[in-house]
Each structure stands twice: as C-alpha cells, then as structure tokens.
C-alpha cells in the first residue's frame, strides 16, 4: 500500500472513531441516572432481604459496574451473593424479594438456576442470585464467577481503554454480532473487554481479527502451553478465549461460527474502507407490497411461513426453544426429500413467532427412485426383493440396471403443507423434536402460509416487514 494512501486511511479511521466515541459515551446525565437508579435498586433490595432474615451481599455487575456501557443501553445486572453454606432453596426466597422490588412487570427464568428479568423505569434489570466463593475454582455455576470477571477487568482498565472498549462494542453492535444471548449468538460485553485488554485498542482487535481462523486461541494469562492444547480442551469451538479467572472456561463459547465469520469479514472491510455504516447501518426500508411480490416471484421458490401465537418466556428461553424447534423442523422437511434453501426465525418476543423455510419447490413428484444392492450381494438382494415385490407403494420395478436392483416408489408426501400439518397438528411436533413451549403454541395457534399469503401480516407489522425485506435482500447492512 502506498504510504500516502495508508496515512489517509489511518487519518480517516481516527477521525471516524472520535466521532463515534462522542455518540456512544454516556453523558453526565445518563451516567448519573443509571448509576443512581442502580444504587437505589441495590439499597432497596438489601433492606428487603434484611427484613426477610437473609444474609447476602448485593452488588452491581456487568458493564455498568465497569463503566463500559454504551450510551442508550438500559441493562442493569444486580447480583445477590449468598454465603456458600446456604442451599439452593435460598434462591427462591431471594427471588421473592426481587419480585417485590420489581413490581409487577417481570419474568422468572431459569438458566443454571432461577433469576428474575424485570422491566423498571425503562431499564431491563436482571436480579441474579449466586453463591459467594473465595476463588473462581469453587464456583458452583457460571454466574458465581461474574464478580471475579468484574474485579479482573476493573483492575486493568484506564479511561483510554474504556473508550476503546466502547468503540469495539459499538462496531459489533453495528454489524449485528454484539451480544451472547441465544438470539444473537455473538460477542458478550465481557468478551469485548478482554479482547481490548489483550490487543490494546479497538483497531488492534480488528487488525488481529482480520487474520483469525476457525479455532483461534487467545489465552491472556497463558494457562495453556500451546494453542493446540487449548483446542484439545475446547474441541470444535469456533473461537477460544480462555477466561483469565478460570482456565476451564471459554469466554467465547456462545459465539456461533457465522457471527465470528461476520466479524472477521467486517473487520477486513472496515480497515480498507472505514465508514460510519459499520457503527450506524442505515435503516432498511421495507419493500412496498408490489415490490415484495415481485421479489418473491423472481426467486421462483416456495417460502413457507409457519406462524404461532404467544410464547411467554424470557428472550433467552424463547430463542433457545425457537432455534431447537427450527432444527427439528428442518430435519423433518429434509427427511422427506424437500430441498431447504434457507431457514430463519422471527419473533416479536410477545405475541407472534414465525419460522421461515424457503424450499426449491412446494411440491415433489409422486415417485422416488431407489437404488438397491448390487447383484453379487446375494442376501441383500433377496431382502430387497422380499420387501418390494408386490408392494402397493412400488410404481415400477424391481428391475436391473447394470448390476443393481432399482425401483420407483410412491412418496409419502408430495406437498410440504400436508407434511407440516400431519406432523404438527396433533401435538405441535413434540414427537419430532419441537421444543415444549413452541409445540404448545403450534398445537393451539398454528398457521401455515406460503409466499404471498403472508402479505396481510407483512402489511400490518413493520418489524416483520423489515425482517422479510432483509431476508430477501440477503446481504449484511454494512455491505449495502
């Protein structure tokens, strides 16, 4: 690269980062409001626990505790640390106190153990009980390590590093890979913080990521003798970042391969041509209905929309069930020879959930060709003939083609709609692996739509309209 061109890009990157940083750093009012409300919640919960006779420490964790949150983020994590001699039964009493503090707008969820996700004064507040341990190795669950994560990061931070962390988080948010929640499958805030601590700056993270490969290993504290030793410990994980407070944990375990790949590719593009769109991608304008219909017709495929009503669960539980069900449904569809080109899931997380399956065709031919064993496999040939001679499902054959027996057999299903109805109508698909909450919703409120039949819902739900438009465009917004 010519020197002047390289200098020009460096100048552009610096100027752009300064502009972004001004936008993503909370101002004094936001900082004061967030910290003040967090402390109020802590003190209120402490009083309630004390009145209930529960001995516990209550403290703020996450990005608010480390002062690395992005402007406009409304997430507060409050951990209730119980003495280790308490049993898990104490969690229930702690959460009852958290419910009283939360008011009525909350959901109770269960990860490794129960927690409360509440919506208070415009904030999403997670009340998480855990055990107080002296060392991360004594942790009984992953959340017991969280206070050690906070301590570790805070011990390494400077004001400059906080800025670099905010830039990385804003970049990841802009390209759609920020968040370890199941819906996203991307990079957690803690992971972003560790990457900046390891590489020293936002730009250095992007430079390193541009050369990452599947199975990349980052071991900040040097717990493993070599990357291969770490890969042996965490097999088949796309990115391995050893937790500096617990060598047995991969901080990047939630990162799905496609999210890692998106980050790598976006890093390369940004370094070559920095642009604000990586931080602030332009909003997608949904297709007008005529344009939507034209886009569908030009594809010539069959887009199946499997729609359900409400599933009441916190987002992580909901998306875990949706993705598990998606896999089961794709397996079912492919098992009966339908060609799945793409599959996606959309949910408003309140009242509607939609599975999208794009197939080469809605219909299959009534017959399917089956090639049997070669003629020199005597017992196999006899078994093949016994099974298919005289069968009402056989249209043609058995006959010999070369040295193999061949038949054409009647398909069980030739219409994808019939396949889905038969397998989902009675139990919502539980017997084929659909998750319990999704199966319940399907059995109570299933609707199957194909291509333009989605038009009415598309016209009345702007969020879904944007989703479907992006699906049809099929390109990351930072590449538009």
Foldseek 3Di string as FASTA:
>chain_A
DDPVLLVVLVVVVVVLLVVVLVQWQADPVVLCVLVVVLVVLQVQLVVLCVVVVFDWHKDWFDCNLQSQGTPPAQETEIETAHEPVDDPVVVVVSVVSVCVSQDDAWFWAADVHIWIFGQDPNHTYIYHYAYADPAPVPGPDPVNCRVVLRVVLNVQDDPQLSSQLSSLQLLLVLLQAEDLFLVRLHAYSSNSSVLCSQQVGNLSSLVVLLPDFFQAEAERVCPDPDSVVLCVLVPPARYAYQDPRHRNDGNSNSHDPVSSVSSNVVSVVCSSPNDCSSSVFDADDFDDLVVQLVLLVVVQWKKKKKKFWAQDDPVSVVSVLVVQQLVLVVCLCVVLPWAFPDWDKDDPNGTMIIIITITRYQFDDQKDKDKFDFQVPPVRVVVVCVVPVPDPQWPDDQDDDPRITMTIGTRPDGGVVVSCCVQQQCQRNVVSRRDNSNSVRCNVGIDMDIRCRCVVVLVVDVVVSSVVRCVSVVDRSVVD
